C-alpha atoms as a PDB file:
ATOM      1  CA  MET A   1     -58.938  13.145  51.863  1.00  0.00           C
ATOM      2  CA  SER A   2     -56.232  14.269  49.494  1.00  0.00           C
ATOM      3  CA  PRO A   3     -55.689  12.725  46.131  1.00  0.00           C
ATOM      4  CA  SER A   4     -52.297  11.183  45.445  1.00  0.00           C
ATOM      5  CA  PRO A   5     -49.882  13.514  46.196  1.00  0.00           C
ATOM      6  CA  SER A   6     -46.622  14.702  44.354  1.00  0.00           C
ATOM      7  CA  THR A   7     -43.314  13.895  45.742  1.00  0.00           C
ATOM      8  CA  PHE A   8     -39.712  15.205  45.828  1.00  0.00           C
ATOM      9  CA  GLN A   9     -36.366  14.042  47.389  1.00  0.00           C
ATOM     10  CA  THR A  10     -34.623  16.076  50.073  1.00  0.00           C
ATOM     11  CA  THR A  11     -30.882  16.552  50.101  1.00  0.00           C
ATOM     12  CA  ASP A  12     -30.436  13.380  52.512  1.00  0.00           C
ATOM     13  CA  GLY A  13     -32.553  11.197  50.026  1.00  0.00           C
ATOM     14  CA  VAL A  14     -35.843  11.211  51.793  1.00  0.00           C
ATOM     15  CA  THR A  15     -39.080  11.284  49.807  1.00  0.00           C
ATOM     16  CA  LEU A  16     -41.489  13.712  50.886  1.00  0.00           C
ATOM     17  CA  ALA A  17     -45.162  14.160  49.869  1.00  0.00           C
ATOM     18  CA  TYR A  18     -46.759  17.417  49.030  1.00  0.00           C
ATOM     19  CA  ASP A  19     -49.923  18.863  47.191  1.00  0.00           C
ATOM     20  CA  LEU A  20     -50.231  22.120  45.294  1.00  0.00           C
ATOM     21  CA  GLN A  21     -53.630  23.627  44.231  1.00  0.00           C
ATOM     22  CA  GLY A  22     -54.706  27.036  43.270  1.00  0.00           C
ATOM     23  CA  GLN A  23     -53.039  30.100  41.975  1.00  0.00           C
ATOM     24  CA  GLY A  24     -51.895  33.432  43.589  1.00  0.00           C
ATOM     25  CA  THR A  25     -49.879  34.044  46.566  1.00  0.00           C
ATOM     26  CA  PRO A  26     -47.854  30.940  47.531  1.00  0.00           C
ATOM     27  CA  LEU A  27     -48.962  29.668  50.988  1.00  0.00           C
ATOM     28  CA  LEU A  28     -47.048  26.994  52.426  1.00  0.00           C
ATOM     29  CA  CYS A  29     -49.127  24.843  54.988  1.00  0.00           C
ATOM     30  CA  LEU A  30     -47.130  23.033  57.682  1.00  0.00           C
ATOM     31  CA  ALA A  31     -49.014  20.664  59.913  1.00  0.00           C
ATOM     32  CA  GLY A  32     -48.592  19.629  63.648  1.00  0.00           C
ATOM     33  CA  LEU A  33     -46.439  17.060  65.239  1.00  0.00           C
ATOM     34  CA  THR A  34     -48.447  13.942  64.303  1.00  0.00           C
ATOM     35  CA  ARG A  35     -50.686  15.524  61.575  1.00  0.00           C
ATOM     36  CA  ASN A  36     -50.614  15.566  57.768  1.00  0.00           C
ATOM     37  CA  MET A  37     -51.631  17.731  54.751  1.00  0.00           C
ATOM     38  CA  ASP A  38     -55.309  16.800  55.020  1.00  0.00           C
ATOM     39  CA  ASP A  39     -55.653  19.194  58.006  1.00  0.00           C
ATOM     40  CA  PHE A  40     -55.590  21.970  55.427  1.00  0.00           C
ATOM     41  CA  GLU A  41     -58.488  20.683  53.241  1.00  0.00           C
ATOM     42  CA  PRO A  42     -60.482  23.726  54.341  1.00  0.00           C
ATOM     43  CA  VAL A  43     -57.897  26.007  53.143  1.00  0.00           C
ATOM     44  CA  VAL A  44     -57.781  24.521  49.620  1.00  0.00           C
ATOM     45  CA  THR A  45     -61.635  24.647  49.643  1.00  0.00           C
ATOM     46  CA  HIS A  46     -61.962  28.237  50.524  1.00  0.00           C
ATOM     47  CA  PHE A  47     -58.757  29.982  49.353  1.00  0.00           C
ATOM     48  CA  ALA A  48     -57.450  28.134  46.339  1.00  0.00           C
ATOM     49  CA  ASP A  49     -59.131  30.820  44.212  1.00  0.00           C
ATOM     50  CA  ARG A  50     -56.654  33.499  45.583  1.00  0.00           C
ATOM     51  CA  ALA A  51     -53.528  31.428  46.823  1.00  0.00           C
ATOM     52  CA  MET A  52     -51.218  28.791  45.610  1.00  0.00           C
ATOM     53  CA  VAL A  53     -52.082  26.461  48.598  1.00  0.00           C
ATOM     54  CA  ILE A  54     -48.928  24.083  49.042  1.00  0.00           C
ATOM     55  CA  ARG A  55     -49.423  21.479  51.590  1.00  0.00           C
ATOM     56  CA  LEU A  56     -46.507  19.326  52.896  1.00  0.00           C
ATOM     57  CA  ASP A  57     -46.228  16.109  54.772  1.00  0.00           C
ATOM     58  CA  SER A  58     -43.261  16.314  57.081  1.00  0.00           C
ATOM     59  CA  ARG A  59     -40.871  13.228  57.060  1.00  0.00           C
ATOM     60  CA  GLY A  60     -42.363  10.416  58.897  1.00  0.00           C
ATOM     61  CA  ARG A  61     -45.960  11.614  58.454  1.00  0.00           C
ATOM     62  CA  GLY A  62     -48.879  11.093  56.150  1.00  0.00           C
ATOM     63  CA  ALA A  63     -47.641  10.012  52.688  1.00  0.00           C
ATOM     64  CA  SER A  64     -44.050  11.005  53.098  1.00  0.00           C
ATOM     65  CA  GLU A  65     -41.294   8.389  53.772  1.00  0.00           C
ATOM     66  CA  PHE A  66     -40.691   6.958  57.350  1.00  0.00           C
ATOM     67  CA  THR A  67     -36.958   7.407  57.917  1.00  0.00           C
ATOM     68  CA  ASP A  68     -34.290   7.728  60.681  1.00  0.00           C
ATOM     69  CA  PRO A  69     -36.327   9.135  63.781  1.00  0.00           C
ATOM     70  CA  ALA A  70     -32.986  11.138  64.691  1.00  0.00           C
ATOM     71  CA  THR A  71     -33.942  13.433  61.620  1.00  0.00           C
ATOM     72  CA  TYR A  72     -37.448  14.083  62.957  1.00  0.00           C
ATOM     73  CA  THR A  73     -36.378  17.449  64.259  1.00  0.00           C
ATOM     74  CA  ILE A  74     -37.670  21.051  63.754  1.00  0.00           C
ATOM     75  CA  ALA A  75     -34.383  22.026  62.411  1.00  0.00           C
ATOM     76  CA  GLN A  76     -34.559  19.356  59.720  1.00  0.00           C
ATOM     77  CA  GLU A  77     -38.118  19.917  59.039  1.00  0.00           C
ATOM     78  CA  SER A  78     -37.344  23.560  58.627  1.00  0.00           C
ATOM     79  CA  ALA A  79     -34.702  22.732  55.899  1.00  0.00           C
ATOM     80  CA  ASP A  80     -37.172  20.426  54.221  1.00  0.00           C
ATOM     81  CA  ALA A  81     -39.698  23.241  53.940  1.00  0.00           C
ATOM     82  CA  LEU A  82     -37.104  25.283  52.095  1.00  0.00           C
ATOM     83  CA  ALA A  83     -36.283  22.225  49.986  1.00  0.00           C
ATOM     84  CA  LEU A  84     -39.746  22.081  48.890  1.00  0.00           C
ATOM     85  CA  LEU A  85     -39.811  25.792  47.964  1.00  0.00           C
ATOM     86  CA  ASP A  86     -36.604  25.296  46.030  1.00  0.00           C
ATOM     87  CA  HIS A  87     -37.999  22.289  44.239  1.00  0.00           C
ATOM     88  CA  LEU A  88     -41.042  24.488  43.139  1.00  0.00           C
ATOM     89  CA  ASN A  89     -38.753  27.272  42.182  1.00  0.00           C
ATOM     90  CA  ILE A  90     -40.647  29.596  44.771  1.00  0.00           C
ATOM     91  CA  ASP A  91     -38.433  32.315  46.182  1.00  0.00           C
ATOM     92  CA  GLN A  92     -40.797  33.428  48.787  1.00  0.00           C
ATOM     93  CA  ALA A  93     -43.995  32.099  50.544  1.00  0.00           C
ATOM     94  CA  ALA A  94     -46.320  32.750  53.356  1.00  0.00           C
ATOM     95  CA  ILE A  95     -46.419  30.116  55.935  1.00  0.00           C
ATOM     96  CA  LEU A  96     -49.709  28.794  57.598  1.00  0.00           C
ATOM     97  CA  GLY A  97     -48.163  26.788  60.553  1.00  0.00           C
ATOM     98  CA  THR A  98     -50.396  24.605  62.878  1.00  0.00           C
ATOM     99  CA  SER A  99     -48.594  23.829  66.266  1.00  0.00           C
ATOM    100  CA  ARG A 100     -45.255  22.275  65.306  1.00  0.00           C
ATOM    101  CA  GLY A 101     -45.694  23.897  61.861  1.00  0.00           C
ATOM    102  CA  GLY A 102     -45.715  27.041  63.678  1.00  0.00           C
ATOM    103  CA  LEU A 103     -42.499  26.344  65.452  1.00  0.00           C
ATOM    104  CA  ILE A 104     -40.856  25.626  62.012  1.00  0.00           C
ATOM    105  CA  ALA A 105     -42.044  29.022  60.775  1.00  0.00           C
ATOM    106  CA  MET A 106     -40.290  30.681  63.840  1.00  0.00           C
ATOM    107  CA  VAL A 107     -37.091  28.891  62.933  1.00  0.00           C
ATOM    108  CA  LEU A 108     -37.324  29.878  59.303  1.00  0.00           C
ATOM    109  CA  ALA A 109     -37.885  33.570  60.358  1.00  0.00           C
ATOM    110  CA  ALA A 110     -34.692  33.390  62.322  1.00  0.00           C
ATOM    111  CA  THR A 111     -32.748  31.490  59.682  1.00  0.00           C
ATOM    112  CA  ALA A 112     -34.428  32.259  56.261  1.00  0.00           C
ATOM    113  CA  LYS A 113     -36.280  35.367  56.789  1.00  0.00           C
ATOM    114  CA  PRO A 114     -35.911  36.698  53.073  1.00  0.00           C
ATOM    115  CA  ARG A 115     -38.001  33.479  52.009  1.00  0.00           C
ATOM    116  CA  LEU A 116     -40.962  34.542  54.065  1.00  0.00           C
ATOM    117  CA  LEU A 117     -43.966  36.727  53.060  1.00  0.00           C
ATOM    118  CA  GLY A 118     -45.428  36.393  56.413  1.00  0.00           C
ATOM    119  CA  VAL A 119     -46.844  33.913  58.950  1.00  0.00           C
ATOM    120  CA  LEU A 120     -50.077  32.605  60.348  1.00  0.00           C
ATOM    121  CA  LEU A 121     -49.720  30.750  63.518  1.00  0.00           C
ATOM    122  CA  ASN A 122     -52.452  28.117  64.374  1.00  0.00           C
ATOM    123  CA  ASP A 123     -52.720  27.710  68.134  1.00  0.00           C
ATOM    124  CA  ILE A 124     -48.837  27.827  68.786  1.00  0.00           C
ATOM    125  CA  GLY A 125     -46.633  30.498  70.346  1.00  0.00           C
ATOM    126  CA  PRO A 126     -43.270  30.799  71.930  1.00  0.00           C
ATOM    127  CA  GLU A 127     -44.326  29.235  75.121  1.00  0.00           C
ATOM    128  CA  LEU A 128     -45.759  25.758  75.388  1.00  0.00           C
ATOM    129  CA  ASN A 129     -48.012  25.019  78.485  1.00  0.00           C
ATOM    130  CA  PRO A 130     -46.547  21.922  80.175  1.00  0.00           C
ATOM    131  CA  ALA A 131     -50.226  20.523  80.621  1.00  0.00           C
ATOM    132  CA  GLY A 132     -50.693  20.653  76.902  1.00  0.00           C
ATOM    133  CA  LEU A 133     -47.319  18.929  76.240  1.00  0.00           C
ATOM    134  CA  ALA A 134     -48.398  16.096  78.747  1.00  0.00           C
ATOM    135  CA  HIS A 135     -51.597  15.496  76.906  1.00  0.00           C
ATOM    136  CA  ILE A 136     -49.590  15.217  73.577  1.00  0.00           C
ATOM    137  CA  MET A 137     -47.224  12.692  75.356  1.00  0.00           C
ATOM    138  CA  ASP A 138     -50.147  10.605  76.531  1.00  0.00           C
ATOM    139  CA  TYR A 139     -50.942   9.612  73.031  1.00  0.00           C
ATOM    140  CA  LEU A 140     -47.803  10.101  70.965  1.00  0.00           C
ATOM    141  CA  GLY A 141     -46.736   6.865  69.164  1.00  0.00           C
ATOM    142  CA  ARG A 142     -49.461   4.843  71.036  1.00  0.00           C
ATOM    143  CA  PRO A 143     -51.744   2.561  68.978  1.00  0.00           C
ATOM    144  CA  CYS A 144     -55.126   3.872  68.167  1.00  0.00           C
ATOM    145  CA  ALA A 145     -57.846   2.693  70.505  1.00  0.00           C
ATOM    146  CA  TYR A 146     -60.635   2.569  67.930  1.00  0.00           C
ATOM    147  CA  ARG A 147     -61.469  -0.183  65.441  1.00  0.00           C
ATOM    148  CA  SER A 148     -63.169   1.875  62.936  1.00  0.00           C
ATOM    149  CA  TYR A 149     -64.147   5.231  61.807  1.00  0.00           C
ATOM    150  CA  ASP A 150     -67.633   4.854  62.960  1.00  0.00           C
ATOM    151  CA  GLY A 151     -66.423   3.767  66.243  1.00  0.00           C
ATOM    152  CA  ALA A 152     -64.076   6.812  66.522  1.00  0.00           C
ATOM    153  CA  ALA A 153     -66.912   9.119  65.526  1.00  0.00           C
ATOM    154  CA  ASP A 154     -69.065   7.610  68.448  1.00  0.00           C
ATOM    155  CA  LYS A 155     -66.215   8.009  71.106  1.00  0.00           C
ATOM    156  CA  LEU A 156     -64.307  11.175  70.200  1.00  0.00           C
ATOM    157  CA  PRO A 157     -66.999  13.362  71.666  1.00  0.00           C
ATOM    158  CA  ILE A 158     -66.323  11.686  74.936  1.00  0.00           C
ATOM    159  CA  ALA A 159     -62.665  11.705  74.657  1.00  0.00           C
ATOM    160  CA  LEU A 160     -62.346  15.167  73.323  1.00  0.00           C
ATOM    161  CA  GLY A 161     -65.687  16.859  74.001  1.00  0.00           C
ATOM    162  CA  THR A 162     -64.706  19.192  76.855  1.00  0.00           C
ATOM    163  CA  GLN A 163     -62.080  20.851  74.341  1.00  0.00           C
ATOM    164  CA  PHE A 164     -64.281  20.454  71.251  1.00  0.00           C
ATOM    165  CA  PRO A 165     -68.000  20.758  72.122  1.00  0.00           C
ATOM    166  CA  ASN A 166     -70.567  21.120  69.549  1.00  0.00           C
ATOM    167  CA  VAL A 167     -68.710  19.227  66.893  1.00  0.00           C
ATOM    168  CA  THR A 168     -71.218  17.166  64.676  1.00  0.00           C
ATOM    169  CA  ARG A 169     -70.848  13.504  64.092  1.00  0.00           C
ATOM    170  CA  ASP A 170     -69.799  14.250  60.515  1.00  0.00           C
ATOM    171  CA  GLY A 171     -67.245  16.558  61.877  1.00  0.00           C
ATOM    172  CA  TRP A 172     -65.808  13.925  63.962  1.00  0.00           C
ATOM    173  CA  MET A 173     -65.815  11.429  61.101  1.00  0.00           C
ATOM    174  CA  THR A 174     -63.715  13.908  58.939  1.00  0.00           C
ATOM    175  CA  TYR A 175     -61.292  14.475  61.929  1.00  0.00           C
ATOM    176  CA  ALA A 176     -60.885  10.702  62.436  1.00  0.00           C
ATOM    177  CA  ARG A 177     -60.286  10.173  58.548  1.00  0.00           C
ATOM    178  CA  ARG A 178     -57.564  12.787  58.589  1.00  0.00           C
ATOM    179  CA  ILE A 179     -55.706  11.389  61.589  1.00  0.00           C
ATOM    180  CA  TRP A 180     -55.936   7.576  61.165  1.00  0.00           C
ATOM    181  CA  ALA A 181     -56.031   4.917  58.357  1.00  0.00           C
ATOM    182  CA  GLN A 182     -58.176   1.923  58.349  1.00  0.00           C
ATOM    183  CA  GLY A 183     -56.218  -1.044  59.135  1.00  0.00           C
ATOM    184  CA  PRO A 184     -57.194  -4.876  59.044  1.00  0.00           C
ATOM    185  CA  THR A 185     -58.481  -4.840  62.649  1.00  0.00           C
ATOM    186  CA  ARG A 186     -58.385  -1.201  63.749  1.00  0.00           C
ATOM    187  CA  LEU A 187     -57.386   2.322  62.822  1.00  0.00           C
ATOM    188  CA  GLU A 188     -53.757   2.776  62.443  1.00  0.00           C
ATOM    189  CA  LEU A 189     -51.545   5.866  62.860  1.00  0.00           C
ATOM    190  CA  ARG A 190     -50.759   7.880  59.859  1.00  0.00           C
ATOM    191  CA  TYR A 191     -47.297   8.755  61.154  1.00  0.00           C
ATOM    192  CA  ASP A 192     -44.187   6.900  62.354  1.00  0.00           C
ATOM    193  CA  PRO A 193     -44.655   5.798  66.013  1.00  0.00           C
ATOM    194  CA  ARG A 194     -40.897   6.249  66.387  1.00  0.00           C
ATOM    195  CA  LEU A 195     -41.771  10.093  66.504  1.00  0.00           C
ATOM    196  CA  ARG A 196     -42.192   9.537  70.153  1.00  0.00           C
ATOM    197  CA  ASP A 197     -38.456   8.629  70.345  1.00  0.00           C
ATOM    198  CA  ALA A 198     -37.381  11.814  68.601  1.00  0.00           C
ATOM    199  CA  VAL A 199     -39.501  13.914  70.800  1.00  0.00           C
ATOM    200  CA  GLU A 200     -38.338  12.178  74.024  1.00  0.00           C
ATOM    201  CA  ALA A 201     -34.701  12.617  72.950  1.00  0.00           C
ATOM    202  CA  ALA A 202     -35.244  16.205  72.160  1.00  0.00           C
ATOM    203  CA  GLY A 203     -36.452  16.873  75.827  1.00  0.00           C
ATOM    204  CA  ALA A 204     -33.882  14.622  77.423  1.00  0.00           C
ATOM    205  CA  THR A 205     -32.018  17.419  78.803  1.00  0.00           C
ATOM    206  CA  GLY A 206     -35.120  18.686  80.753  1.00  0.00           C
ATOM    207  CA  GLN A 207     -34.401  22.280  79.549  1.00  0.00           C
ATOM    208  CA  THR A 208     -36.921  24.309  77.978  1.00  0.00           C
ATOM    209  CA  PRO A 209     -35.392  26.752  75.225  1.00  0.00           C
ATOM    210  CA  ASP A 210     -36.410  30.310  75.205  1.00  0.00           C
ATOM    211  CA  LEU A 211     -38.355  30.687  71.926  1.00  0.00           C
ATOM    212  CA  TRP A 212     -39.120  34.437  72.300  1.00  0.00           C
ATOM    213  CA  PRO A 213     -36.158  35.369  70.330  1.00  0.00           C
ATOM    214  CA  LEU A 214     -37.473  33.264  67.448  1.00  0.00           C
ATOM    215  CA  PHE A 215     -41.021  34.872  67.808  1.00  0.00           C
ATOM    216  CA  ASP A 216     -39.249  38.318  67.687  1.00  0.00           C
ATOM    217  CA  SER A 217     -37.689  37.296  64.309  1.00  0.00           C
ATOM    218  CA  PHE A 218     -41.111  37.864  62.909  1.00  0.00           C
ATOM    219  CA  SER A 219     -40.437  41.606  63.145  1.00  0.00           C
ATOM    220  CA  GLY A 220     -41.317  43.173  59.923  1.00  0.00           C
ATOM    221  CA  LEU A 221     -43.284  40.433  58.450  1.00  0.00           C
ATOM    222  CA  PRO A 222     -47.053  40.316  58.396  1.00  0.00           C
ATOM    223  CA  LEU A 223     -48.246  38.010  61.334  1.00  0.00           C
ATOM    224  CA  ALA A 224     -51.595  36.457  62.385  1.00  0.00           C
ATOM    225  CA  LEU A 225     -52.502  34.060  65.227  1.00  0.00           C
ATOM    226  CA  LEU A 226     -55.405  31.803  65.856  1.00  0.00           C
ATOM    227  CA  ARG A 227     -56.003  30.341  69.170  1.00  0.00           C
ATOM    228  CA  GLY A 228     -58.629  27.581  70.292  1.00  0.00           C
ATOM    229  CA  GLU A 229     -60.650  28.855  73.012  1.00  0.00           C
ATOM    230  CA  ASN A 230     -60.036  25.845  75.017  1.00  0.00           C
ATOM    231  CA  SER A 231     -56.419  25.168  74.042  1.00  0.00           C
ATOM    232  CA  THR A 232     -54.241  23.384  76.483  1.00  0.00           C
ATOM    233  CA  LEU A 233     -51.051  24.295  74.684  1.00  0.00           C
ATOM    234  CA  LEU A 234     -51.351  27.984  74.077  1.00  0.00           C
ATOM    235  CA  THR A 235     -52.278  30.022  77.086  1.00  0.00           C
ATOM    236  CA  ARG A 236     -53.985  33.400  77.061  1.00  0.00           C
ATOM    237  CA  GLU A 237     -51.168  34.851  78.948  1.00  0.00           C
ATOM    238  CA  CYS A 238     -48.799  33.890  76.139  1.00  0.00           C
ATOM    239  CA  VAL A 239     -51.060  35.356  73.567  1.00  0.00           C
ATOM    240  CA  GLU A 240     -51.384  38.662  75.533  1.00  0.00           C
ATOM    241  CA  GLU A 241     -47.473  38.803  75.577  1.00  0.00           C
ATOM    242  CA  MET A 242     -47.378  38.030  71.822  1.00  0.00           C
ATOM    243  CA  ARG A 243     -49.896  40.783  71.117  1.00  0.00           C
ATOM    244  CA  ARG A 244     -48.042  43.245  73.314  1.00  0.00           C
ATOM    245  CA  ARG A 245     -44.774  42.618  71.166  1.00  0.00           C
ATOM    246  CA  ARG A 246     -46.913  42.742  67.926  1.00  0.00           C
ATOM    247  CA  PRO A 247     -49.771  44.943  68.361  1.00  0.00           C
ATOM    248  CA  ASP A 248     -50.367  44.810  64.623  1.00  0.00           C
ATOM    249  CA  MET A 249     -50.795  40.941  64.663  1.00  0.00           C
ATOM    250  CA  ILE A 250     -54.140  39.756  63.278  1.00  0.00           C
ATOM    251  CA  PHE A 251     -55.747  37.691  65.994  1.00  0.00           C
ATOM    252  CA  SER A 252     -58.736  35.735  66.823  1.00  0.00           C
ATOM    253  CA  GLU A 253     -59.878  33.093  69.352  1.00  0.00           C
ATOM    254  CA  VAL A 254     -61.830  30.224  67.929  1.00  0.00           C
ATOM    255  CA  LYS A 255     -64.908  29.298  70.066  1.00  0.00           C
ATOM    256  CA  ASP A 256     -65.529  25.840  71.097  1.00  0.00           C
ATOM    257  CA  ARG A 257     -62.138  24.651  69.881  1.00  0.00           C
ATOM    258  CA  GLY A 258     -59.114  23.229  71.719  1.00  0.00           C
ATOM    259  CA  HIS A 259     -55.607  22.470  70.310  1.00  0.00           C
ATOM    260  CA  VAL A 260     -56.020  22.821  67.384  1.00  0.00           C
ATOM    261  CA  PRO A 261     -58.809  24.719  65.494  1.00  0.00           C
ATOM    262  CA  PHE A 262     -59.853  22.815  62.367  1.00  0.00           C
ATOM    263  CA  LEU A 263     -59.687  25.905  60.137  1.00  0.00           C
ATOM    264  CA  ASP A 264     -63.035  25.559  58.786  1.00  0.00           C
ATOM    265  CA  GLU A 265     -64.547  27.827  61.710  1.00  0.00           C
ATOM    266  CA  SER A 266     -65.908  31.260  60.807  1.00  0.00           C
ATOM    267  CA  GLU A 267     -63.088  32.866  62.980  1.00  0.00           C
ATOM    268  CA  SER A 268     -60.341  30.902  61.156  1.00  0.00           C
ATOM    269  CA  LEU A 269     -61.573  31.714  57.746  1.00  0.00           C
ATOM    270  CA  ASP A 270     -61.846  35.470  58.594  1.00  0.00           C
ATOM    271  CA  VAL A 271     -58.327  35.401  59.841  1.00  0.00           C
ATOM    272  CA  ILE A 272     -56.975  33.496  56.836  1.00  0.00           C
ATOM    273  CA  GLU A 273     -58.915  35.862  54.448  1.00  0.00           C
ATOM    274  CA  ARG A 274     -57.377  38.937  56.226  1.00  0.00           C
ATOM    275  CA  PHE A 275     -53.950  37.520  56.230  1.00  0.00           C
ATOM    276  CA  LEU A 276     -53.905  36.577  52.593  1.00  0.00           C
ATOM    277  CA  ALA A 277     -55.143  40.069  51.843  1.00  0.00           C
ATOM    278  CA  GLN A 278     -52.298  41.650  53.691  1.00  0.00           C
ATOM    279  CA  ILE A 279     -49.817  39.100  52.166  1.00  0.00           C
ATOM    280  CA  ALA A 280     -51.193  39.828  48.620  1.00  0.00           C
ATOM    281  CA  VAL A 281     -50.246  43.338  48.785  1.00  0.00           C
ATOM    282  CA  ARG A 282     -46.604  42.482  49.925  1.00  0.00           C
ATOM    283  CA  PHE A 283     -46.409  39.805  47.160  1.00  0.00           C
ATOM    284  CA  SER A 284     -47.516  42.129  44.431  1.00  0.00           C
ATOM    285  CA  ARG A 285     -44.759  44.524  45.129  1.00  0.00           C
END
């Protein structure tokens, strides 16, 4: 788990938590919808010797302030990411975006491209599989079913084993500690449950926006992609089209992982290493 993070205030007065470790190319790590900076612990462990690893808890997640759920939007979270770079006096950074964090990266490529050195997408693309979205809505904002980390580690292989086979008990324990906090009687969410209200409001029109123009905004930027072999959100068909449009994109499929890879797998570490090497050349110019 991360030590006590640093904080800063956004322009609308919300206090957000972040962590900065390492030196070198700035790498801004943006987590998934319900996740937090602890998902990027493997990145700190393996790459802080060659990158300035910046991890942000989006508003309403992790150690950041819970606020008006109407502001839990990708547009606002994109502005918050830029506000953090401004706070740190960083002109340009690469982004490692997991799931929703990757969608934020797409928005930034379309609206603030000069601030980006490159983007690594973790199990996300411009098309979201409805089956994966339905799975997310099954648990989003719902109380945790487990009473303890030990109970979670025992039962997660049953709940998620089809997507994540061959995860050790220690691996499940780490996963549980990143996602939930131990409460008085059970594990508790590490995000604002009203995030569900924000997601439902965003989907109230029933219309799915075309995100391919946002993906095409990555043109000219170094780009990399990880896909979990068993992902329910990012289909192989979407990946094929992404690779057709960007044949230079670094890519690997992570064996025995669903949505999302943990970033400690050999395939993940290889892609991050190759991506950072490419970014370092751009950053040094």
